Structure formats: C-alpha cells, structure tokens
Amino acid sequence: MADAQGKNITLNVGKDVIRFKVDMLAFNSFQNEMMPDNKVAPANNFLMRTVHPEDKKVLEGYLDQGYAIDLAGFVSTEFKPALEISVKV
C-alpha cells in the first residue's frame, strides 16, 4: 500500500514506459466517480490526474485508442493489491 505521499507506479505499455504517482485522494476520487453507466471518463480522469507530466503525451495516445479502462485497472490494482478476505464460520 502507498504512504501518505502516494505510490510511484511504472507501467510498460507496448514499447512505452508510463509513470504514475497515485495517492489515496486520487484513488478514492476514481472509485467515487465510477458509475454503472460511466466508466471511461473516470478512468481517463484518474490516469490524467496521476500521470507523470513528462509521460502525458504518451498516455494520451493510448487513451485516444480506447485503453483508459485497461490502464486504470493496472494502475489501481498496483496501488491497492488484492486483499484476501474470508468469512469465519
């Protein structure tokens, strides 16, 4: 999990490297914006809010190809890995 300053996440996407810095505010905003009929805009917003400024143009190229949900999924999973939960019987 990330500290208060956020977590640096680097994705290798095709031949490109895209860096992100995700904190709880950005992650929670992404989760709160997601609606059953609105997923692409929140994914775009989340990625654009957290991308390293030098990688913004590269990211925009992938967003223009429709990869917002895919990339946001990788970034959010890396920020908050799966938690194993079970019900005690």
PDB file of N, CA and C in Angstrom:
ATOM      1  N   MET A   1       0.843  -1.183   0.000  1.00  0.00           N
ATOM      2  CA  MET A   1       0.000   0.000   0.000  1.00  0.00           C
ATOM      3  C   MET A   1       0.886   1.244   0.000  1.00  0.00           C
ATOM      4  N   ALA A   2       0.342   2.313  -0.411  1.00  0.00           N
ATOM      5  CA  ALA A   2       1.094   3.566  -0.525  1.00  0.00           C
ATOM      6  C   ALA A   2       1.149   4.291   0.810  1.00  0.00           C
ATOM      7  N   ASP A   3       2.152   5.160   0.929  1.00  0.00           N
ATOM      8  CA  ASP A   3       2.211   6.018   2.110  1.00  0.00           C
ATOM      9  C   ASP A   3       1.408   7.286   1.840  1.00  0.00           C
ATOM     10  N   ALA A   4       1.453   8.234   2.762  1.00  0.00           N
ATOM     11  CA  ALA A   4       0.657   9.458   2.629  1.00  0.00           C
ATOM     12  C   ALA A   4       1.031  10.269   1.394  1.00  0.00           C
ATOM     13  N   GLN A   5       2.267  10.134   0.931  1.00  0.00           N
ATOM     14  CA  GLN A   5       2.728  10.879  -0.239  1.00  0.00           C
ATOM     15  C   GLN A   5       2.326  10.218  -1.551  1.00  0.00           C
ATOM     16  N   GLY A   6       1.829   9.009  -1.503  1.00  0.00           N
ATOM     17  CA  GLY A   6       1.432   8.305  -2.704  1.00  0.00           C
ATOM     18  C   GLY A   6       2.411   7.217  -3.075  1.00  0.00           C
ATOM     19  N   LYS A   7       2.097   6.536  -4.137  1.00  0.00           N
ATOM     20  CA  LYS A   7       2.898   5.418  -4.605  1.00  0.00           C
ATOM     21  C   LYS A   7       3.268   5.661  -6.054  1.00  0.00           C
ATOM     22  N   ASN A   8       4.547   5.492  -6.375  1.00  0.00           N
ATOM     23  CA  ASN A   8       5.002   5.591  -7.752  1.00  0.00           C
ATOM     24  C   ASN A   8       4.747   4.261  -8.444  1.00  0.00           C
ATOM     25  N   ILE A   9       4.116   4.325  -9.593  1.00  0.00           N
ATOM     26  CA  ILE A   9       3.777   3.128 -10.375  1.00  0.00           C
ATOM     27  C   ILE A   9       4.280   3.352 -11.789  1.00  0.00           C
ATOM     28  N   THR A  10       5.001   2.382 -12.313  1.00  0.00           N
ATOM     29  CA  THR A  10       5.515   2.456 -13.670  1.00  0.00           C
ATOM     30  C   THR A  10       4.952   1.290 -14.466  1.00  0.00           C
ATOM     31  N   LEU A  11       4.336   1.599 -15.593  1.00  0.00           N
ATOM     32  CA  LEU A  11       3.807   0.567 -16.489  1.00  0.00           C
ATOM     33  C   LEU A  11       4.637   0.516 -17.756  1.00  0.00           C
ATOM     34  N   ASN A  12       4.932  -0.681 -18.216  1.00  0.00           N
ATOM     35  CA  ASN A  12       5.477  -0.895 -19.549  1.00  0.00           C
ATOM     36  C   ASN A  12       4.278  -1.172 -20.440  1.00  0.00           C
ATOM     37  N   VAL A  13       4.024  -0.274 -21.371  1.00  0.00           N
ATOM     38  CA  VAL A  13       2.857  -0.377 -22.252  1.00  0.00           C
ATOM     39  C   VAL A  13       3.377  -0.409 -23.684  1.00  0.00           C
ATOM     40  N   GLY A  14       3.276  -1.561 -24.312  1.00  0.00           N
ATOM     41  CA  GLY A  14       3.853  -1.689 -25.638  1.00  0.00           C
ATOM     42  C   GLY A  14       5.330  -1.376 -25.556  1.00  0.00           C
ATOM     43  N   LYS A  15       5.796  -0.443 -26.365  1.00  0.00           N
ATOM     44  CA  LYS A  15       7.209  -0.030 -26.352  1.00  0.00           C
ATOM     45  C   LYS A  15       7.450   1.165 -25.430  1.00  0.00           C
ATOM     46  N   ASP A  16       6.415   1.622 -24.736  1.00  0.00           N
ATOM     47  CA  ASP A  16       6.497   2.829 -23.918  1.00  0.00           C
ATOM     48  C   ASP A  16       6.525   2.515 -22.426  1.00  0.00           C
ATOM     49  N   VAL A  17       7.068   3.458 -21.686  1.00  0.00           N
ATOM     50  CA  VAL A  17       7.034   3.423 -20.223  1.00  0.00           C
ATOM     51  C   VAL A  17       6.207   4.626 -19.783  1.00  0.00           C
ATOM     52  N   ILE A  18       5.208   4.376 -18.932  1.00  0.00           N
ATOM     53  CA  ILE A  18       4.355   5.457 -18.429  1.00  0.00           C
ATOM     54  C   ILE A  18       4.393   5.399 -16.908  1.00  0.00           C
ATOM     55  N   ARG A  19       4.723   6.541 -16.306  1.00  0.00           N
ATOM     56  CA  ARG A  19       4.852   6.636 -14.852  1.00  0.00           C
ATOM     57  C   ARG A  19       3.658   7.375 -14.252  1.00  0.00           C
ATOM     58  N   PHE A  20       3.259   6.907 -13.083  1.00  0.00           N
ATOM     59  CA  PHE A  20       2.143   7.500 -12.353  1.00  0.00           C
ATOM     60  C   PHE A  20       2.541   7.688 -10.901  1.00  0.00           C
ATOM     61  N   LYS A  21       1.908   8.647 -10.252  1.00  0.00           N
ATOM     62  CA  LYS A  21       2.023   8.807  -8.798  1.00  0.00           C
ATOM     63  C   LYS A  21       0.597   8.875  -8.270  1.00  0.00           C
ATOM     64  N   VAL A  22       0.209   7.834  -7.546  1.00  0.00           N
ATOM     65  CA  VAL A  22      -1.170   7.699  -7.078  1.00  0.00           C
ATOM     66  C   VAL A  22      -1.200   7.837  -5.565  1.00  0.00           C
ATOM     67  N   ASP A  23      -2.114   8.660  -5.081  1.00  0.00           N
ATOM     68  CA  ASP A  23      -2.328   8.786  -3.640  1.00  0.00           C
ATOM     69  C   ASP A  23      -3.781   8.422  -3.333  1.00  0.00           C
ATOM     70  N   MET A  24      -4.103   8.378  -2.057  1.00  0.00           N
ATOM     71  CA  MET A  24      -5.456   7.961  -1.658  1.00  0.00           C
ATOM     72  C   MET A  24      -6.527   8.900  -2.199  1.00  0.00           C
ATOM     73  N   LEU A  25      -6.253  10.195  -2.252  1.00  0.00           N
ATOM     74  CA  LEU A  25      -7.238  11.142  -2.770  1.00  0.00           C
ATOM     75  C   LEU A  25      -7.574  10.831  -4.228  1.00  0.00           C
ATOM     76  N   ALA A  26      -6.564  10.627  -5.054  1.00  0.00           N
ATOM     77  CA  ALA A  26      -6.795  10.312  -6.467  1.00  0.00           C
ATOM     78  C   ALA A  26      -7.508   8.968  -6.616  1.00  0.00           C
ATOM     79  N   PHE A  27      -7.079   7.980  -5.843  1.00  0.00           N
ATOM     80  CA  PHE A  27      -7.698   6.656  -5.916  1.00  0.00           C
ATOM     81  C   PHE A  27      -9.158   6.708  -5.471  1.00  0.00           C
ATOM     82  N   ASN A  28      -9.424   7.366  -4.345  1.00  0.00           N
ATOM     83  CA  ASN A  28     -10.799   7.457  -3.847  1.00  0.00           C
ATOM     84  C   ASN A  28     -11.683   8.258  -4.802  1.00  0.00           C
ATOM     85  N   SER A  29     -11.157   9.299  -5.392  1.00  0.00           N
ATOM     86  CA  SER A  29     -11.932  10.073  -6.369  1.00  0.00           C
ATOM     87  C   SER A  29     -12.327   9.191  -7.543  1.00  0.00           C
ATOM     88  N   PHE A  30     -11.380   8.384  -8.029  1.00  0.00           N
ATOM     89  CA  PHE A  30     -11.652   7.449  -9.124  1.00  0.00           C
ATOM     90  C   PHE A  30     -12.777   6.487  -8.736  1.00  0.00           C
ATOM     91  N   GLN A  31     -12.694   5.911  -7.563  1.00  0.00           N
ATOM     92  CA  GLN A  31     -13.721   4.971  -7.108  1.00  0.00           C
ATOM     93  C   GLN A  31     -15.084   5.657  -6.974  1.00  0.00           C
ATOM     94  N   ASN A  32     -15.093   6.872  -6.448  1.00  0.00           N
ATOM     95  CA  ASN A  32     -16.344   7.589  -6.243  1.00  0.00           C
ATOM     96  C   ASN A  32     -16.997   8.035  -7.548  1.00  0.00           C
ATOM     97  N   GLU A  33     -16.182   8.299  -8.576  1.00  0.00           N
ATOM     98  CA  GLU A  33     -16.724   8.745  -9.862  1.00  0.00           C
ATOM     99  C   GLU A  33     -17.298   7.600 -10.693  1.00  0.00           C
ATOM    100  N   MET A  34     -16.901   6.367 -10.402  1.00  0.00           N
ATOM    101  CA  MET A  34     -17.353   5.224 -11.196  1.00  0.00           C
ATOM    102  C   MET A  34     -18.857   4.990 -10.988  1.00  0.00           C
ATOM    103  N   MET A  35     -19.555   4.871 -12.086  1.00  0.00           N
ATOM    104  CA  MET A  35     -20.987   4.584 -12.069  1.00  0.00           C
ATOM    105  C   MET A  35     -21.229   3.452 -13.053  1.00  0.00           C
ATOM    106  N   PRO A  36     -22.330   2.718 -12.906  1.00  0.00           N
ATOM    107  CA  PRO A  36     -22.591   1.616 -13.840  1.00  0.00           C
ATOM    108  C   PRO A  36     -22.592   2.048 -15.310  1.00  0.00           C
ATOM    109  N   ASP A  37     -23.011   3.273 -15.575  1.00  0.00           N
ATOM    110  CA  ASP A  37     -23.095   3.732 -16.964  1.00  0.00           C
ATOM    111  C   ASP A  37     -22.018   4.763 -17.301  1.00  0.00           C
ATOM    112  N   ASN A  38     -21.001   4.906 -16.432  1.00  0.00           N
ATOM    113  CA  ASN A  38     -19.951   5.892 -16.676  1.00  0.00           C
ATOM    114  C   ASN A  38     -18.630   5.372 -16.106  1.00  0.00           C
ATOM    115  N   LYS A  39     -17.839   4.704 -16.958  1.00  0.00           N
ATOM    116  CA  LYS A  39     -16.565   4.157 -16.522  1.00  0.00           C
ATOM    117  C   LYS A  39     -15.382   4.778 -17.257  1.00  0.00           C
ATOM    118  N   VAL A  40     -15.565   5.150 -18.508  1.00  0.00           N
ATOM    119  CA  VAL A  40     -14.449   5.640 -19.314  1.00  0.00           C
ATOM    120  C   VAL A  40     -13.977   7.006 -18.828  1.00  0.00           C
ATOM    121  N   ALA A  41     -14.880   7.936 -18.602  1.00  0.00           N
ATOM    122  CA  ALA A  41     -14.485   9.276 -18.155  1.00  0.00           C
ATOM    123  C   ALA A  41     -13.758   9.235 -16.817  1.00  0.00           C
ATOM    124  N   PRO A  42     -14.253   8.498 -15.804  1.00  0.00           N
ATOM    125  CA  PRO A  42     -13.497   8.428 -14.550  1.00  0.00           C
ATOM    126  C   PRO A  42     -12.115   7.798 -14.726  1.00  0.00           C
ATOM    127  N   ALA A  43     -11.999   6.791 -15.583  1.00  0.00           N
ATOM    128  CA  ALA A  43     -10.699   6.167 -15.835  1.00  0.00           C
ATOM    129  C   ALA A  43      -9.750   7.168 -16.487  1.00  0.00           C
ATOM    130  N   ASN A  44     -10.241   7.893 -17.492  1.00  0.00           N
ATOM    131  CA  ASN A  44      -9.436   8.938 -18.134  1.00  0.00           C
ATOM    132  C   ASN A  44      -8.981   9.974 -17.109  1.00  0.00           C
ATOM    133  N   ASN A  45      -9.910  10.461 -16.305  1.00  0.00           N
ATOM    134  CA  ASN A  45      -9.598  11.496 -15.309  1.00  0.00           C
ATOM    135  C   ASN A  45      -8.554  11.005 -14.311  1.00  0.00           C
ATOM    136  N   PHE A  46      -8.724   9.787 -13.817  1.00  0.00           N
ATOM    137  CA  PHE A  46      -7.795   9.192 -12.857  1.00  0.00           C
ATOM    138  C   PHE A  46      -6.384   9.119 -13.441  1.00  0.00           C
ATOM    139  N   LEU A  47      -6.284   8.617 -14.660  1.00  0.00           N
ATOM    140  CA  LEU A  47      -4.973   8.488 -15.295  1.00  0.00           C
ATOM    141  C   LEU A  47      -4.329   9.850 -15.547  1.00  0.00           C
ATOM    142  N   MET A  48      -5.104  10.793 -16.032  1.00  0.00           N
ATOM    143  CA  MET A  48      -4.560  12.121 -16.328  1.00  0.00           C
ATOM    144  C   MET A  48      -4.163  12.873 -15.047  1.00  0.00           C
ATOM    145  N   ARG A  49      -4.878  12.625 -13.951  1.00  0.00           N
ATOM    146  CA  ARG A  49      -4.535  13.267 -12.672  1.00  0.00           C
ATOM    147  C   ARG A  49      -3.256  12.703 -12.070  1.00  0.00           C
ATOM    148  N   THR A  50      -2.935  11.462 -12.393  1.00  0.00           N
ATOM    149  CA  THR A  50      -1.830  10.797 -11.716  1.00  0.00           C
ATOM    150  C   THR A  50      -0.599  10.564 -12.599  1.00  0.00           C
ATOM    151  N   VAL A  51      -0.708  10.807 -13.908  1.00  0.00           N
ATOM    152  CA  VAL A  51       0.421  10.545 -14.806  1.00  0.00           C
ATOM    153  C   VAL A  51       1.555  11.535 -14.567  1.00  0.00           C
ATOM    154  N   HIS A  52       2.778  11.067 -14.739  1.00  0.00           N
ATOM    155  CA  HIS A  52       3.951  11.941 -14.656  1.00  0.00           C
ATOM    156  C   HIS A  52       3.852  12.944 -15.803  1.00  0.00           C
ATOM    157  N   PRO A  53       4.102  14.230 -15.546  1.00  0.00           N
ATOM    158  CA  PRO A  53       3.946  15.245 -16.598  1.00  0.00           C
ATOM    159  C   PRO A  53       4.705  14.937 -17.891  1.00  0.00           C
ATOM    160  N   GLU A  54       5.884  14.335 -17.779  1.00  0.00           N
ATOM    161  CA  GLU A  54       6.659  14.018 -18.982  1.00  0.00           C
ATOM    162  C   GLU A  54       6.054  12.885 -19.805  1.00  0.00           C
ATOM    163  N   ASP A  55       5.149  12.105 -19.208  1.00  0.00           N
ATOM    164  CA  ASP A  55       4.557  10.950 -19.889  1.00  0.00           C
ATOM    165  C   ASP A  55       3.134  11.216 -20.385  1.00  0.00           C
ATOM    166  N   LYS A  56       2.666  12.438 -20.194  1.00  0.00           N
ATOM    167  CA  LYS A  56       1.275  12.777 -20.519  1.00  0.00           C
ATOM    168  C   LYS A  56       0.938  12.548 -21.998  1.00  0.00           C
ATOM    169  N   LYS A  57       1.801  12.985 -22.904  1.00  0.00           N
ATOM    170  CA  LYS A  57       1.529  12.827 -24.339  1.00  0.00           C
ATOM    171  C   LYS A  57       1.453  11.357 -24.735  1.00  0.00           C
ATOM    172  N   VAL A  58       2.344  10.541 -24.184  1.00  0.00           N
ATOM    173  CA  VAL A  58       2.329   9.102 -24.475  1.00  0.00           C
ATOM    174  C   VAL A  58       1.020   8.499 -23.976  1.00  0.00           C
ATOM    175  N   LEU A  59       0.622   8.851 -22.747  1.00  0.00           N
ATOM    176  CA  LEU A  59      -0.632   8.351 -22.196  1.00  0.00           C
ATOM    177  C   LEU A  59      -1.808   8.766 -23.065  1.00  0.00           C
ATOM    178  N   GLU A  60      -1.838  10.015 -23.483  1.00  0.00           N
ATOM    179  CA  GLU A  60      -2.942  10.491 -24.320  1.00  0.00           C
ATOM    180  C   GLU A  60      -3.074   9.665 -25.592  1.00  0.00           C
ATOM    181  N   GLY A  61      -1.957   9.223 -26.154  1.00  0.00           N
ATOM    182  CA  GLY A  61      -2.006   8.370 -27.337  1.00  0.00           C
ATOM    183  C   GLY A  61      -2.741   7.069 -27.064  1.00  0.00           C
ATOM    184  N   TYR A  62      -2.514   6.480 -25.901  1.00  0.00           N
ATOM    185  CA  TYR A  62      -3.216   5.237 -25.544  1.00  0.00           C
ATOM    186  C   TYR A  62      -4.683   5.504 -25.204  1.00  0.00           C
ATOM    187  N   LEU A  63      -4.951   6.626 -24.551  1.00  0.00           N
ATOM    188  CA  LEU A  63      -6.340   6.964 -24.237  1.00  0.00           C
ATOM    189  C   LEU A  63      -7.140   7.186 -25.516  1.00  0.00           C
ATOM    190  N   ASP A  64      -6.512   7.795 -26.504  1.00  0.00           N
ATOM    191  CA  ASP A  64      -7.183   8.019 -27.792  1.00  0.00           C
ATOM    192  C   ASP A  64      -7.491   6.717 -28.516  1.00  0.00           C
ATOM    193  N   GLN A  65      -6.818   5.639 -28.134  1.00  0.00           N
ATOM    194  CA  GLN A  65      -7.061   4.325 -28.736  1.00  0.00           C
ATOM    195  C   GLN A  65      -8.050   3.492 -27.922  1.00  0.00           C
ATOM    196  N   GLY A  66      -8.571   4.062 -26.829  1.00  0.00           N
ATOM    197  CA  GLY A  66      -9.589   3.369 -26.046  1.00  0.00           C
ATOM    198  C   GLY A  66      -9.069   2.505 -24.911  1.00  0.00           C
ATOM    199  N   TYR A  67      -7.863   2.756 -24.433  1.00  0.00           N
ATOM    200  CA  TYR A  67      -7.278   1.919 -23.391  1.00  0.00           C
ATOM    201  C   TYR A  67      -7.433   2.466 -21.972  1.00  0.00           C
ATOM    202  N   ALA A  68      -8.289   3.430 -21.761  1.00  0.00           N
ATOM    203  CA  ALA A  68      -8.413   4.053 -20.437  1.00  0.00           C
ATOM    204  C   ALA A  68      -8.766   3.048 -19.347  1.00  0.00           C
ATOM    205  N   ILE A  69      -9.765   2.233 -19.569  1.00  0.00           N
ATOM    206  CA  ILE A  69     -10.202   1.288 -18.537  1.00  0.00           C
ATOM    207  C   ILE A  69      -9.121   0.245 -18.276  1.00  0.00           C
ATOM    208  N   ASP A  70      -8.471  -0.228 -19.336  1.00  0.00           N
ATOM    209  CA  ASP A  70      -7.400  -1.221 -19.174  1.00  0.00           C
ATOM    210  C   ASP A  70      -6.259  -0.657 -18.325  1.00  0.00           C
ATOM    211  N   LEU A  71      -5.790   0.530 -18.692  1.00  0.00           N
ATOM    212  CA  LEU A  71      -4.669   1.135 -17.977  1.00  0.00           C
ATOM    213  C   LEU A  71      -5.046   1.497 -16.540  1.00  0.00           C
ATOM    214  N   ALA A  72      -6.226   2.055 -16.346  1.00  0.00           N
ATOM    215  CA  ALA A  72      -6.672   2.404 -14.991  1.00  0.00           C
ATOM    216  C   ALA A  72      -6.761   1.152 -14.118  1.00  0.00           C
ATOM    217  N   GLY A  73      -7.164   0.049 -14.716  1.00  0.00           N
ATOM    218  CA  GLY A  73      -7.227  -1.209 -13.967  1.00  0.00           C
ATOM    219  C   GLY A  73      -5.856  -1.635 -13.467  1.00  0.00           C
ATOM    220  N   PHE A  74      -4.845  -1.550 -14.328  1.00  0.00           N
ATOM    221  CA  PHE A  74      -3.496  -1.914 -13.918  1.00  0.00           C
ATOM    222  C   PHE A  74      -2.967  -0.974 -12.842  1.00  0.00           C
ATOM    223  N   VAL A  75      -3.173   0.322 -13.026  1.00  0.00           N
ATOM    224  CA  VAL A  75      -2.665   1.301 -12.059  1.00  0.00           C
ATOM    225  C   VAL A  75      -3.365   1.127 -10.713  1.00  0.00           C
ATOM    226  N   SER A  76      -4.680   0.985 -10.714  1.00  0.00           N
ATOM    227  CA  SER A  76      -5.395   0.872  -9.438  1.00  0.00           C
ATOM    228  C   SER A  76      -5.083  -0.444  -8.735  1.00  0.00           C
ATOM    229  N   THR A  77      -4.885  -1.532  -9.488  1.00  0.00           N
ATOM    230  CA  THR A  77      -4.534  -2.812  -8.873  1.00  0.00           C
ATOM    231  C   THR A  77      -3.139  -2.759  -8.262  1.00  0.00           C
ATOM    232  N   GLU A  78      -2.226  -2.072  -8.920  1.00  0.00           N
ATOM    233  CA  GLU A  78      -0.878  -1.935  -8.377  1.00  0.00           C
ATOM    234  C   GLU A  78      -0.893  -1.034  -7.142  1.00  0.00           C
ATOM    235  N   PHE A  79      -1.748  -0.023  -7.140  1.00  0.00           N
ATOM    236  CA  PHE A  79      -1.844   0.864  -5.983  1.00  0.00           C
ATOM    237  C   PHE A  79      -2.437   0.134  -4.784  1.00  0.00           C
ATOM    238  N   LYS A  80      -3.477  -0.627  -5.057  1.00  0.00           N
ATOM    239  CA  LYS A  80      -4.183  -1.337  -3.983  1.00  0.00           C
ATOM    240  C   LYS A  80      -4.315  -2.804  -4.384  1.00  0.00           C
ATOM    241  N   PRO A  81      -3.294  -3.614  -4.080  1.00  0.00           N
ATOM    242  CA  PRO A  81      -3.353  -5.026  -4.455  1.00  0.00           C
ATOM    243  C   PRO A  81      -4.538  -5.736  -3.809  1.00  0.00           C
ATOM    244  N   ALA A  82      -4.879  -6.877  -4.361  1.00  0.00           N
ATOM    245  CA  ALA A  82      -5.999  -7.668  -3.857  1.00  0.00           C
ATOM    246  C   ALA A  82      -5.777  -8.027  -2.386  1.00  0.00           C
ATOM    247  N   LEU A  83      -6.836  -8.039  -1.639  1.00  0.00           N
ATOM    248  CA  LEU A  83      -6.812  -8.383  -0.232  1.00  0.00           C
ATOM    249  C   LEU A  83      -7.586  -9.673  -0.053  1.00  0.00           C
ATOM    250  N   GLU A  84      -6.963 -10.652   0.587  1.00  0.00           N
ATOM    251  CA  GLU A  84      -7.642 -11.910   0.806  1.00  0.00           C
ATOM    252  C   GLU A  84      -8.553 -11.781   2.016  1.00  0.00           C
ATOM    253  N   ILE A  85      -9.828 -12.039   1.800  1.00  0.00           N
ATOM    254  CA  ILE A  85     -10.834 -11.921   2.860  1.00  0.00           C
ATOM    255  C   ILE A  85     -11.673 -13.194   2.858  1.00  0.00           C
ATOM    256  N   SER A  86     -11.954 -13.703   4.037  1.00  0.00           N
ATOM    257  CA  SER A  86     -12.843 -14.850   4.133  1.00  0.00           C
ATOM    258  C   SER A  86     -13.753 -14.650   5.346  1.00  0.00           C
ATOM    259  N   VAL A  87     -14.864 -15.334   5.333  1.00  0.00           N
ATOM    260  CA  VAL A  87     -15.822 -15.250   6.428  1.00  0.00           C
ATOM    261  C   VAL A  87     -15.533 -16.380   7.399  1.00  0.00           C
ATOM    262  N   LYS A  88     -15.390 -16.046   8.644  1.00  0.00           N
ATOM    263  CA  LYS A  88     -15.154 -17.062   9.667  1.00  0.00           C
ATOM    264  C   LYS A  88     -16.484 -17.702  10.024  1.00  0.00           C
ATOM    265  N   VAL A  89     -16.510 -19.003   9.924  1.00  0.00           N
ATOM    266  CA  VAL A  89     -17.745 -19.742  10.179  1.00  0.00           C
ATOM    267  C   VAL A  89     -17.742 -20.297  11.587  1.00  0.00           C
TER     268      VAL A  89
END
